[in-house]
Amino acid sequence: MIAKLAGIIDHIGAEEVIIDVGGVGYHAFCSSRTIQRLPPPGSAARLLIETHVREDHIHLYGFADGEEREWFGRLTTVQGVGARLALAILTALAPEQLALAIAAQDRVALMRAEGVGAKLAARIVNELRDKVIRGTPGPTSAVATVTAPGTVAAADAVSALVNLGYGRTEAFSAVAAAVQQLGKGAETDALIRAGLHELAR
């Protein structure tokens, strides 16, 4: 099982990279986010790897960091999300954005990924939301702030901002910043005003 590759980049494509390790070229599929972080061909590079073995093939999936690899593993536990679709999601949303979108139940954000429709977006949110809130992988400050017990006002503020036309993820993030600024005892109206101020930055 290959878990990491370190060598010289031989080729970079739109969705894959070939790394020369001691004269052997390893082909790894990657998100565009990882592709963009790679140095040009001829340079040394390191990728974390997930190896998928099937009866008819062995595929390598490469990641620039452990957080993206962790999310790849979690996404592929959802029925209907294969390896290539998980990479498409990670291309559309960075791990931090993905955690926020799932915690905020923002199906629209997930549907920005090629191949993700409304039903699959709902399934991803339903199956992974509790894991995000419980802190697997580690909770972002925004997730922990807005989903903590006793934060009904924060949830109401998020709903109000969504009703004003903001996306769920950006509303969620703005209210989280407002809670951190004003404290968990802040009223809904104050959180809405602070959230709007945050969104106007």
N, C-alpha and C. Protein backbone atom coordinates (compact mmCIF):
# COMPACT_ATOMS: atom_id res chain seq x y z
N MET A 1 0.84 -1.20 0.00
CA MET A 1 0.00 0.00 0.00
C MET A 1 0.88 1.25 0.00
N ILE A 2 0.69 2.10 -0.99
CA ILE A 2 1.48 3.33 -1.09
C ILE A 2 0.78 4.44 -0.30
N ALA A 3 1.48 5.08 0.63
CA ALA A 3 0.91 6.14 1.44
C ALA A 3 1.51 7.51 1.15
N LYS A 4 2.68 7.54 0.50
CA LYS A 4 3.34 8.81 0.20
C LYS A 4 4.28 8.60 -0.98
N LEU A 5 4.39 9.64 -1.81
CA LEU A 5 5.36 9.64 -2.90
C LEU A 5 6.21 10.90 -2.80
N ALA A 6 7.53 10.73 -2.92
CA ALA A 6 8.44 11.87 -2.95
C ALA A 6 9.41 11.65 -4.10
N GLY A 7 9.42 12.59 -5.04
CA GLY A 7 10.28 12.42 -6.20
C GLY A 7 10.28 13.67 -7.06
N ILE A 8 10.51 13.48 -8.35
CA ILE A 8 10.57 14.59 -9.30
C ILE A 8 9.32 14.57 -10.17
N ILE A 9 8.70 15.72 -10.32
CA ILE A 9 7.50 15.80 -11.15
C ILE A 9 7.88 15.64 -12.61
N ASP A 10 7.27 14.65 -13.25
CA ASP A 10 7.53 14.38 -14.66
C ASP A 10 6.49 15.04 -15.56
N HIS A 11 5.24 15.06 -15.08
CA HIS A 11 4.14 15.60 -15.90
C HIS A 11 3.02 16.08 -14.98
N ILE A 12 2.41 17.19 -15.35
CA ILE A 12 1.22 17.68 -14.63
C ILE A 12 0.10 17.87 -15.64
N GLY A 13 -1.03 17.22 -15.39
CA GLY A 13 -2.21 17.39 -16.24
C GLY A 13 -3.29 18.13 -15.49
N ALA A 14 -4.48 18.19 -16.08
CA ALA A 14 -5.59 18.91 -15.46
C ALA A 14 -6.05 18.21 -14.18
N GLU A 15 -5.98 16.87 -14.17
CA GLU A 15 -6.50 16.11 -13.03
C GLU A 15 -5.51 15.08 -12.51
N GLU A 16 -4.28 15.09 -13.02
CA GLU A 16 -3.33 14.07 -12.59
C GLU A 16 -1.91 14.58 -12.66
N VAL A 17 -1.04 13.85 -11.99
CA VAL A 17 0.37 14.17 -11.99
C VAL A 17 1.15 12.85 -12.09
N ILE A 18 2.31 12.90 -12.74
CA ILE A 18 3.22 11.75 -12.76
C ILE A 18 4.48 12.16 -12.02
N ILE A 19 4.80 11.39 -10.99
CA ILE A 19 6.00 11.66 -10.20
C ILE A 19 7.01 10.54 -10.43
N ASP A 20 8.21 10.93 -10.78
CA ASP A 20 9.31 9.99 -11.00
C ASP A 20 10.00 9.73 -9.66
N VAL A 21 9.89 8.49 -9.22
CA VAL A 21 10.53 8.09 -7.97
C VAL A 21 11.56 7.01 -8.31
N GLY A 22 12.82 7.39 -8.35
CA GLY A 22 13.87 6.44 -8.65
C GLY A 22 13.75 5.79 -10.01
N GLY A 23 13.27 6.56 -11.00
CA GLY A 23 13.14 6.04 -12.35
C GLY A 23 11.81 5.39 -12.66
N VAL A 24 10.93 5.28 -11.67
CA VAL A 24 9.59 4.72 -11.87
C VAL A 24 8.58 5.85 -11.82
N GLY A 25 7.74 5.96 -12.84
CA GLY A 25 6.74 7.02 -12.88
C GLY A 25 5.43 6.57 -12.24
N TYR A 26 5.00 7.26 -11.20
CA TYR A 26 3.73 6.96 -10.53
C TYR A 26 2.68 7.97 -10.95
N HIS A 27 1.55 7.46 -11.41
CA HIS A 27 0.44 8.31 -11.87
C HIS A 27 -0.56 8.46 -10.74
N ALA A 28 -0.84 9.70 -10.33
CA ALA A 28 -1.79 9.96 -9.25
C ALA A 28 -2.83 10.97 -9.70
N PHE A 29 -4.09 10.66 -9.43
CA PHE A 29 -5.18 11.61 -9.67
C PHE A 29 -5.23 12.60 -8.51
N CYS A 30 -5.50 13.87 -8.81
CA CYS A 30 -5.49 14.92 -7.78
C CYS A 30 -6.63 15.91 -8.00
N SER A 31 -7.01 16.61 -6.94
CA SER A 31 -7.93 17.73 -7.09
C SER A 31 -7.18 18.88 -7.75
N SER A 32 -7.90 19.80 -8.35
CA SER A 32 -7.22 20.94 -8.98
C SER A 32 -6.52 21.80 -7.92
N ARG A 33 -7.03 21.75 -6.70
CA ARG A 33 -6.41 22.51 -5.60
C ARG A 33 -5.00 21.99 -5.33
N THR A 34 -4.85 20.68 -5.32
CA THR A 34 -3.53 20.08 -5.13
C THR A 34 -2.64 20.34 -6.35
N ILE A 35 -3.22 20.20 -7.55
CA ILE A 35 -2.47 20.44 -8.78
C ILE A 35 -1.87 21.85 -8.77
N GLN A 36 -2.66 22.84 -8.34
CA GLN A 36 -2.20 24.23 -8.34
C GLN A 36 -1.08 24.48 -7.34
N ARG A 37 -0.98 23.63 -6.34
CA ARG A 37 0.05 23.82 -5.32
C ARG A 37 1.37 23.13 -5.67
N LEU A 38 1.38 22.38 -6.77
CA LEU A 38 2.60 21.67 -7.15
C LEU A 38 3.58 22.59 -7.87
N PRO A 39 4.86 22.35 -7.70
CA PRO A 39 5.87 23.12 -8.46
C PRO A 39 5.90 22.62 -9.91
N PRO A 40 6.60 23.29 -10.79
CA PRO A 40 6.61 22.89 -12.21
C PRO A 40 7.34 21.57 -12.43
N PRO A 41 7.08 20.92 -13.59
CA PRO A 41 7.80 19.69 -13.91
C PRO A 41 9.31 19.87 -13.80
N GLY A 42 9.96 18.82 -13.32
CA GLY A 42 11.41 18.88 -13.09
C GLY A 42 11.77 19.22 -11.66
N SER A 43 10.76 19.64 -10.88
CA SER A 43 10.99 20.01 -9.48
C SER A 43 10.69 18.84 -8.55
N ALA A 44 11.27 18.89 -7.37
CA ALA A 44 10.99 17.88 -6.35
C ALA A 44 9.64 18.17 -5.71
N ALA A 45 8.91 17.11 -5.39
CA ALA A 45 7.60 17.27 -4.78
C ALA A 45 7.27 16.06 -3.92
N ARG A 46 6.31 16.25 -3.03
CA ARG A 46 5.85 15.17 -2.17
C ARG A 46 4.33 15.18 -2.16
N LEU A 47 3.73 14.02 -2.26
CA LEU A 47 2.28 13.88 -2.20
C LEU A 47 1.91 12.81 -1.19
N LEU A 48 0.88 13.07 -0.40
CA LEU A 48 0.27 12.01 0.40
C LEU A 48 -0.64 11.22 -0.53
N ILE A 49 -0.71 9.93 -0.34
CA ILE A 49 -1.39 9.06 -1.30
C ILE A 49 -2.45 8.18 -0.63
N GLU A 50 -3.58 8.03 -1.32
CA GLU A 50 -4.57 7.00 -1.01
C GLU A 50 -4.51 6.00 -2.15
N THR A 51 -4.33 4.73 -1.84
CA THR A 51 -4.25 3.68 -2.86
C THR A 51 -5.56 2.92 -2.90
N HIS A 52 -6.19 2.87 -4.06
CA HIS A 52 -7.42 2.10 -4.24
C HIS A 52 -7.13 0.90 -5.12
N VAL A 53 -7.34 -0.27 -4.58
CA VAL A 53 -7.08 -1.51 -5.32
C VAL A 53 -8.41 -2.15 -5.70
N ARG A 54 -8.59 -2.39 -6.99
CA ARG A 54 -9.77 -3.08 -7.49
C ARG A 54 -9.33 -4.29 -8.30
N GLU A 55 -10.29 -5.11 -8.68
CA GLU A 55 -9.94 -6.30 -9.45
C GLU A 55 -9.26 -5.95 -10.77
N ASP A 56 -9.71 -4.84 -11.37
CA ASP A 56 -9.21 -4.51 -12.71
C ASP A 56 -8.21 -3.36 -12.74
N HIS A 57 -7.91 -2.75 -11.61
CA HIS A 57 -6.95 -1.64 -11.62
C HIS A 57 -6.45 -1.30 -10.22
N ILE A 58 -5.36 -0.55 -10.19
CA ILE A 58 -4.86 0.08 -8.96
C ILE A 58 -4.74 1.57 -9.27
N HIS A 59 -5.46 2.39 -8.52
CA HIS A 59 -5.42 3.83 -8.72
C HIS A 59 -4.80 4.51 -7.51
N LEU A 60 -3.99 5.53 -7.77
CA LEU A 60 -3.41 6.36 -6.72
C LEU A 60 -4.07 7.73 -6.74
N TYR A 61 -4.40 8.24 -5.57
CA TYR A 61 -4.99 9.57 -5.44
C TYR A 61 -4.06 10.40 -4.55
N GLY A 62 -3.63 11.56 -5.07
CA GLY A 62 -2.63 12.36 -4.38
C GLY A 62 -3.19 13.61 -3.73
N PHE A 63 -2.59 13.99 -2.60
CA PHE A 63 -3.06 15.15 -1.83
C PHE A 63 -1.88 15.97 -1.32
N ALA A 64 -2.07 17.28 -1.35
CA ALA A 64 -1.01 18.17 -0.89
C ALA A 64 -0.88 18.18 0.62
N ASP A 65 -1.97 17.85 1.33
CA ASP A 65 -1.91 17.86 2.80
C ASP A 65 -2.84 16.79 3.38
N GLY A 66 -2.64 16.54 4.67
CA GLY A 66 -3.40 15.49 5.35
C GLY A 66 -4.87 15.81 5.50
N GLU A 67 -5.21 17.10 5.62
CA GLU A 67 -6.61 17.47 5.80
C GLU A 67 -7.42 17.11 4.56
N GLU A 68 -6.86 17.39 3.38
CA GLU A 68 -7.57 17.04 2.15
C GLU A 68 -7.70 15.52 2.03
N ARG A 69 -6.67 14.79 2.40
CA ARG A 69 -6.74 13.33 2.34
C ARG A 69 -7.80 12.78 3.29
N GLU A 70 -7.89 13.36 4.49
CA GLU A 70 -8.91 12.92 5.45
C GLU A 70 -10.31 13.14 4.90
N TRP A 71 -10.52 14.31 4.29
CA TRP A 71 -11.83 14.59 3.73
C TRP A 71 -12.16 13.67 2.55
N PHE A 72 -11.17 13.34 1.77
CA PHE A 72 -11.36 12.40 0.68
C PHE A 72 -11.88 11.07 1.23
N GLY A 73 -11.25 10.59 2.31
CA GLY A 73 -11.69 9.35 2.92
C GLY A 73 -13.10 9.42 3.45
N ARG A 74 -13.45 10.53 4.07
CA ARG A 74 -14.81 10.67 4.62
C ARG A 74 -15.85 10.79 3.52
N LEU A 75 -15.54 11.54 2.49
CA LEU A 75 -16.49 11.69 1.39
C LEU A 75 -16.79 10.35 0.73
N THR A 76 -15.79 9.52 0.58
CA THR A 76 -16.00 8.24 -0.11
C THR A 76 -16.74 7.22 0.75
N THR A 77 -17.03 7.55 2.02
CA THR A 77 -17.88 6.67 2.83
C THR A 77 -19.36 6.92 2.53
N VAL A 78 -19.67 8.01 1.85
CA VAL A 78 -21.06 8.33 1.52
C VAL A 78 -21.47 7.55 0.28
N GLN A 79 -22.59 6.88 0.36
CA GLN A 79 -23.08 6.11 -0.79
C GLN A 79 -23.27 7.03 -2.00
N GLY A 80 -22.69 6.61 -3.13
CA GLY A 80 -22.81 7.41 -4.35
C GLY A 80 -21.64 8.34 -4.59
N VAL A 81 -20.72 8.44 -3.62
CA VAL A 81 -19.54 9.29 -3.79
C VAL A 81 -18.32 8.39 -4.00
N GLY A 82 -17.88 8.29 -5.25
CA GLY A 82 -16.67 7.54 -5.55
C GLY A 82 -15.45 8.43 -5.45
N ALA A 83 -14.30 7.85 -5.76
CA ALA A 83 -13.05 8.58 -5.63
C ALA A 83 -12.99 9.82 -6.53
N ARG A 84 -13.40 9.67 -7.78
CA ARG A 84 -13.30 10.81 -8.70
C ARG A 84 -14.28 11.92 -8.31
N LEU A 85 -15.45 11.55 -7.82
CA LEU A 85 -16.42 12.56 -7.39
C LEU A 85 -15.93 13.26 -6.12
N ALA A 86 -15.30 12.51 -5.23
CA ALA A 86 -14.72 13.13 -4.02
C ALA A 86 -13.68 14.17 -4.41
N LEU A 87 -12.86 13.87 -5.43
CA LEU A 87 -11.88 14.85 -5.90
C LEU A 87 -12.56 16.08 -6.49
N ALA A 88 -13.68 15.87 -7.19
CA ALA A 88 -14.43 16.99 -7.77
C ALA A 88 -14.95 17.91 -6.66
N ILE A 89 -15.42 17.31 -5.56
CA ILE A 89 -15.91 18.10 -4.43
C ILE A 89 -14.77 18.88 -3.80
N LEU A 90 -13.62 18.23 -3.65
CA LEU A 90 -12.46 18.90 -3.06
C LEU A 90 -11.85 19.94 -3.99
N THR A 91 -12.16 19.84 -5.28
CA THR A 91 -11.77 20.88 -6.22
C THR A 91 -12.66 22.11 -6.04
N ALA A 92 -13.95 21.87 -5.80
CA ALA A 92 -14.90 22.98 -5.65
C ALA A 92 -14.81 23.64 -4.29
N LEU A 93 -14.49 22.86 -3.25
CA LEU A 93 -14.49 23.38 -1.89
C LEU A 93 -13.24 22.93 -1.14
N ALA A 94 -12.50 23.87 -0.58
CA ALA A 94 -11.36 23.52 0.27
C ALA A 94 -11.90 22.84 1.53
N PRO A 95 -11.08 22.04 2.24
CA PRO A 95 -11.57 21.34 3.43
C PRO A 95 -12.29 22.23 4.43
N GLU A 96 -11.76 23.41 4.72
CA GLU A 96 -12.42 24.33 5.66
C GLU A 96 -13.80 24.74 5.14
N GLN A 97 -13.89 25.06 3.84
CA GLN A 97 -15.17 25.44 3.25
C GLN A 97 -16.15 24.27 3.25
N LEU A 98 -15.63 23.08 3.01
CA LEU A 98 -16.46 21.88 2.99
C LEU A 98 -17.05 21.61 4.37
N ALA A 99 -16.23 21.74 5.41
CA ALA A 99 -16.72 21.55 6.78
C ALA A 99 -17.83 22.54 7.11
N LEU A 100 -17.63 23.80 6.73
CA LEU A 100 -18.65 24.82 6.98
C LEU A 100 -19.93 24.54 6.20
N ALA A 101 -19.78 24.16 4.93
CA ALA A 101 -20.96 23.89 4.10
C ALA A 101 -21.78 22.74 4.67
N ILE A 102 -21.11 21.70 5.13
CA ILE A 102 -21.82 20.55 5.69
C ILE A 102 -22.47 20.91 7.01
N ALA A 103 -21.75 21.60 7.89
CA ALA A 103 -22.31 22.01 9.18
C ALA A 103 -23.49 22.95 8.99
N ALA A 104 -23.40 23.81 7.98
CA ALA A 104 -24.48 24.78 7.71
C ALA A 104 -25.61 24.18 6.89
N GLN A 105 -25.47 22.90 6.50
CA GLN A 105 -26.45 22.22 5.64
C GLN A 105 -26.64 22.98 4.33
N ASP A 106 -25.54 23.46 3.78
CA ASP A 106 -25.57 24.25 2.55
C ASP A 106 -25.43 23.32 1.34
N ARG A 107 -26.55 22.77 0.91
CA ARG A 107 -26.54 21.84 -0.23
C ARG A 107 -26.12 22.53 -1.51
N VAL A 108 -26.49 23.80 -1.65
CA VAL A 108 -26.16 24.55 -2.87
C VAL A 108 -24.65 24.65 -3.05
N ALA A 109 -23.93 24.87 -1.96
CA ALA A 109 -22.47 24.96 -2.05
C ALA A 109 -21.88 23.64 -2.56
N LEU A 110 -22.41 22.53 -2.07
CA LEU A 110 -21.92 21.22 -2.50
C LEU A 110 -22.25 20.96 -3.97
N MET A 111 -23.36 21.52 -4.43
CA MET A 111 -23.78 21.31 -5.82
C MET A 111 -22.91 22.07 -6.81
N ARG A 112 -21.98 22.91 -6.31
CA ARG A 112 -21.03 23.56 -7.21
C ARG A 112 -20.03 22.56 -7.77
N ALA A 113 -19.90 21.42 -7.09
CA ALA A 113 -18.98 20.39 -7.56
C ALA A 113 -19.60 19.66 -8.74
N GLU A 114 -18.82 19.45 -9.78
CA GLU A 114 -19.31 18.75 -10.97
C GLU A 114 -19.74 17.34 -10.61
N GLY A 115 -20.98 17.00 -10.97
CA GLY A 115 -21.49 15.66 -10.72
C GLY A 115 -22.31 15.52 -9.44
N VAL A 116 -22.42 16.60 -8.66
CA VAL A 116 -23.19 16.55 -7.41
C VAL A 116 -24.54 17.23 -7.63
N GLY A 117 -25.61 16.44 -7.56
CA GLY A 117 -26.96 16.98 -7.69
C GLY A 117 -27.58 17.20 -6.31
N ALA A 118 -28.85 17.61 -6.32
CA ALA A 118 -29.52 17.96 -5.07
C ALA A 118 -29.63 16.77 -4.11
N LYS A 119 -29.98 15.60 -4.64
CA LYS A 119 -30.16 14.43 -3.77
C LYS A 119 -28.84 13.99 -3.14
N LEU A 120 -27.79 13.99 -3.94
CA LEU A 120 -26.49 13.57 -3.41
C LEU A 120 -25.96 14.60 -2.42
N ALA A 121 -26.16 15.88 -2.70
CA ALA A 121 -25.74 16.93 -1.77
C ALA A 121 -26.43 16.76 -0.42
N ALA A 122 -27.73 16.45 -0.46
CA ALA A 122 -28.49 16.23 0.78
C ALA A 122 -27.95 15.02 1.53
N ARG A 123 -27.60 13.96 0.80
CA ARG A 123 -27.07 12.75 1.44
C ARG A 123 -25.72 13.03 2.11
N ILE A 124 -24.87 13.79 1.42
CA ILE A 124 -23.56 14.13 1.99
C ILE A 124 -23.74 14.91 3.29
N VAL A 125 -24.61 15.91 3.26
CA VAL A 125 -24.86 16.72 4.46
C VAL A 125 -25.41 15.86 5.59
N ASN A 126 -26.40 15.02 5.28
CA ASN A 126 -27.04 14.20 6.31
C ASN A 126 -26.07 13.20 6.94
N GLU A 127 -25.22 12.60 6.12
CA GLU A 127 -24.34 11.56 6.63
C GLU A 127 -23.09 12.10 7.32
N LEU A 128 -22.64 13.31 6.95
CA LEU A 128 -21.38 13.82 7.50
C LEU A 128 -21.55 14.95 8.50
N ARG A 129 -22.74 15.52 8.61
CA ARG A 129 -22.91 16.69 9.47
C ARG A 129 -22.55 16.41 10.93
N ASP A 130 -23.03 15.29 11.47
CA ASP A 130 -22.74 14.99 12.87
C ASP A 130 -21.24 14.80 13.10
N LYS A 131 -20.55 14.22 12.11
CA LYS A 131 -19.10 14.02 12.25
C LYS A 131 -18.37 15.35 12.28
N VAL A 132 -18.84 16.30 11.48
CA VAL A 132 -18.21 17.62 11.48
C VAL A 132 -18.43 18.32 12.81
N ILE A 133 -19.67 18.27 13.30
CA ILE A 133 -20.02 18.96 14.54
C ILE A 133 -19.32 18.32 15.74
N ARG A 134 -19.20 16.98 15.71
CA ARG A 134 -18.52 16.29 16.82
C ARG A 134 -17.02 16.50 16.77
N GLY A 135 -16.53 17.04 15.62
CA GLY A 135 -15.11 17.33 15.54
C GLY A 135 -14.30 16.28 14.83
N THR A 136 -14.90 15.58 13.86
CA THR A 136 -14.15 14.59 13.09
C THR A 136 -14.34 14.90 11.61
N PRO A 137 -13.32 15.47 10.93
CA PRO A 137 -12.04 15.91 11.46
C PRO A 137 -12.21 17.17 12.31
N GLY A 138 -11.19 17.59 13.00
CA GLY A 138 -11.25 18.66 13.99
C GLY A 138 -12.17 19.79 13.62
N PRO A 139 -13.02 20.23 14.54
CA PRO A 139 -14.00 21.25 14.22
C PRO A 139 -13.34 22.59 13.92
N THR A 140 -13.84 23.28 12.92
CA THR A 140 -13.37 24.63 12.68
C THR A 140 -13.96 25.51 13.77
N SER A 141 -13.37 26.67 14.01
CA SER A 141 -13.89 27.55 15.05
C SER A 141 -15.32 27.96 14.75
N ALA A 142 -15.65 28.18 13.47
CA ALA A 142 -17.00 28.59 13.11
C ALA A 142 -18.01 27.48 13.41
N VAL A 143 -17.67 26.25 13.06
CA VAL A 143 -18.57 25.12 13.32
C VAL A 143 -18.79 24.99 14.82
N ALA A 144 -17.70 25.00 15.59
CA ALA A 144 -17.81 24.83 17.04
C ALA A 144 -18.62 25.95 17.67
N THR A 145 -18.46 27.18 17.17
CA THR A 145 -19.15 28.33 17.74
C THR A 145 -20.64 28.30 17.50
N VAL A 146 -21.05 28.04 16.27
CA VAL A 146 -22.47 28.14 15.93
C VAL A 146 -23.26 26.90 16.32
N THR A 147 -22.61 25.75 16.41
CA THR A 147 -23.35 24.53 16.72
C THR A 147 -23.25 24.13 18.19
N ALA A 148 -22.57 24.93 19.00
CA ALA A 148 -22.44 24.61 20.43
C ALA A 148 -23.81 24.67 21.11
N PRO A 149 -24.00 23.88 22.18
CA PRO A 149 -25.27 23.94 22.92
C PRO A 149 -25.57 25.37 23.39
N GLY A 150 -26.82 25.72 23.36
CA GLY A 150 -27.23 27.04 23.84
C GLY A 150 -27.05 28.16 22.85
N THR A 151 -26.86 27.83 21.58
CA THR A 151 -26.66 28.88 20.58
C THR A 151 -27.85 28.97 19.64
N VAL A 152 -29.05 28.96 20.19
CA VAL A 152 -30.27 29.07 19.39
C VAL A 152 -30.30 30.41 18.67
N ALA A 153 -29.87 31.47 19.36
CA ALA A 153 -29.85 32.80 18.75
C ALA A 153 -28.96 32.81 17.51
N ALA A 154 -27.85 32.09 17.56
CA ALA A 154 -26.94 32.03 16.41
C ALA A 154 -27.62 31.34 15.24
N ALA A 155 -28.32 30.25 15.51
CA ALA A 155 -29.03 29.54 14.43
C ALA A 155 -30.11 30.43 13.82
N ASP A 156 -30.80 31.19 14.66
CA ASP A 156 -31.83 32.11 14.16
C ASP A 156 -31.20 33.22 13.31
N ALA A 157 -30.03 33.69 13.73
CA ALA A 157 -29.34 34.74 12.97
C ALA A 157 -28.90 34.21 11.61
N VAL A 158 -28.42 32.98 11.57
CA VAL A 158 -28.05 32.37 10.29
C VAL A 158 -29.26 32.32 9.37
N SER A 159 -30.40 31.86 9.88
CA SER A 159 -31.62 31.78 9.08
C SER A 159 -32.04 33.15 8.56
N ALA A 160 -31.91 34.17 9.40
CA ALA A 160 -32.29 35.52 8.99
C ALA A 160 -31.40 36.01 7.84
N LEU A 161 -30.11 35.76 7.93
CA LEU A 161 -29.19 36.19 6.86
C LEU A 161 -29.46 35.43 5.56
N VAL A 162 -29.79 34.15 5.69
CA VAL A 162 -30.14 33.36 4.49
C VAL A 162 -31.39 33.95 3.85
N ASN A 163 -32.39 34.33 4.67
CA ASN A 163 -33.62 34.93 4.15
C ASN A 163 -33.36 36.26 3.46
N LEU A 164 -32.26 36.91 3.84
CA LEU A 164 -31.88 38.17 3.19
C LEU A 164 -31.14 37.95 1.87
N GLY A 165 -30.90 36.67 1.55
CA GLY A 165 -30.29 36.36 0.26
C GLY A 165 -28.85 35.89 0.30
N TYR A 166 -28.27 35.79 1.49
CA TYR A 166 -26.89 35.30 1.58
C TYR A 166 -26.87 33.78 1.54
N GLY A 167 -25.77 33.22 1.06
CA GLY A 167 -25.61 31.78 1.05
C GLY A 167 -25.49 31.25 2.47
N ARG A 168 -25.91 29.99 2.69
CA ARG A 168 -25.88 29.44 4.05
C ARG A 168 -24.47 29.41 4.62
N THR A 169 -23.50 29.04 3.79
CA THR A 169 -22.14 28.92 4.32
C THR A 169 -21.58 30.28 4.73
N GLU A 170 -21.78 31.30 3.89
CA GLU A 170 -21.26 32.62 4.25
C GLU A 170 -22.01 33.21 5.44
N ALA A 171 -23.32 32.94 5.54
CA ALA A 171 -24.09 33.40 6.69
C ALA A 171 -23.61 32.71 7.96
N PHE A 172 -23.37 31.42 7.86
CA PHE A 172 -22.88 30.62 8.98
C PHE A 172 -21.55 31.17 9.49
N SER A 173 -20.64 31.44 8.56
CA SER A 173 -19.32 31.95 8.92
C SER A 173 -19.41 33.34 9.54
N ALA A 174 -20.28 34.20 8.97
CA ALA A 174 -20.43 35.56 9.49
C ALA A 174 -21.00 35.56 10.90
N VAL A 175 -21.98 34.71 11.15
CA VAL A 175 -22.58 34.64 12.50
C VAL A 175 -21.56 34.06 13.49
N ALA A 176 -20.76 33.11 13.05
CA ALA A 176 -19.72 32.56 13.92
C ALA A 176 -18.77 33.67 14.37
N ALA A 177 -18.39 34.53 13.42
CA ALA A 177 -17.51 35.65 13.76
C ALA A 177 -18.21 36.60 14.74
N ALA A 178 -19.52 36.80 14.52
CA ALA A 178 -20.28 37.68 15.41
C ALA A 178 -20.37 37.11 16.82
N VAL A 179 -20.57 35.80 16.94
CA VAL A 179 -20.64 35.15 18.26
C VAL A 179 -19.30 35.29 18.98
N GLN A 180 -18.22 35.10 18.24
CA GLN A 180 -16.90 35.22 18.86
C GLN A 180 -16.63 36.65 19.33
N GLN A 181 -17.20 37.62 18.61
CA GLN A 181 -17.00 39.02 18.96
C GLN A 181 -17.89 39.45 20.13
N LEU A 182 -19.17 39.02 20.10
CA LEU A 182 -20.15 39.50 21.07
C LEU A 182 -20.37 38.55 22.25
N GLY A 183 -19.94 37.30 22.09
CA GLY A 183 -20.16 36.32 23.15
C GLY A 183 -21.38 35.46 22.88
N LYS A 184 -21.42 34.28 23.51
CA LYS A 184 -22.50 33.32 23.25
C LYS A 184 -23.85 33.77 23.80
N GLY A 185 -23.85 34.77 24.68
CA GLY A 185 -25.12 35.26 25.23
C GLY A 185 -25.77 36.34 24.39
N ALA A 186 -25.19 36.67 23.25
CA ALA A 186 -25.71 37.76 22.42
C ALA A 186 -27.09 37.41 21.87
N GLU A 187 -27.93 38.44 21.74
CA GLU A 187 -29.27 38.26 21.19
C GLU A 187 -29.21 38.13 19.67
N THR A 188 -30.29 37.57 19.13
CA THR A 188 -30.36 37.34 17.68
C THR A 188 -30.16 38.63 16.88
N ASP A 189 -30.85 39.72 17.30
CA ASP A 189 -30.75 40.98 16.54
C ASP A 189 -29.32 41.49 16.49
N ALA A 190 -28.63 41.40 17.62
CA ALA A 190 -27.24 41.87 17.66
C ALA A 190 -26.36 41.01 16.76
N LEU A 191 -26.62 39.72 16.75
CA LEU A 191 -25.84 38.82 15.90
C LEU A 191 -26.10 39.08 14.43
N ILE A 192 -27.32 39.41 14.11
CA ILE A 192 -27.65 39.73 12.70
C ILE A 192 -26.91 40.98 12.27
N ARG A 193 -26.95 42.02 13.11
CA ARG A 193 -26.26 43.27 12.77
C ARG A 193 -24.76 43.04 12.61
N ALA A 194 -24.17 42.31 13.58
CA ALA A 194 -22.74 42.04 13.49
C ALA A 194 -22.40 41.14 12.30
N GLY A 195 -23.31 40.21 12.00
CA GLY A 195 -23.10 39.35 10.85
C GLY A 195 -23.14 40.12 9.55
N LEU A 196 -24.07 41.06 9.44
CA LEU A 196 -24.15 41.90 8.24
C LEU A 196 -22.89 42.75 8.10
N HIS A 197 -22.40 43.25 9.21
CA HIS A 197 -21.16 44.04 9.19
C HIS A 197 -20.01 43.18 8.68
N GLU A 198 -19.97 41.94 9.14
CA GLU A 198 -18.92 41.01 8.72
C GLU A 198 -19.02 40.72 7.22
N LEU A 199 -20.23 40.54 6.73
CA LEU A 199 -20.44 40.24 5.31
C LEU A 199 -20.13 41.43 4.42
N ALA A 200 -20.22 42.64 5.00
CA ALA A 200 -19.96 43.85 4.20
C ALA A 200 -18.47 44.14 4.05
N ARG A 201 -17.62 43.41 4.78
CA ARG A 201 -16.17 43.67 4.72
C ARG A 201 -15.61 43.30 3.35
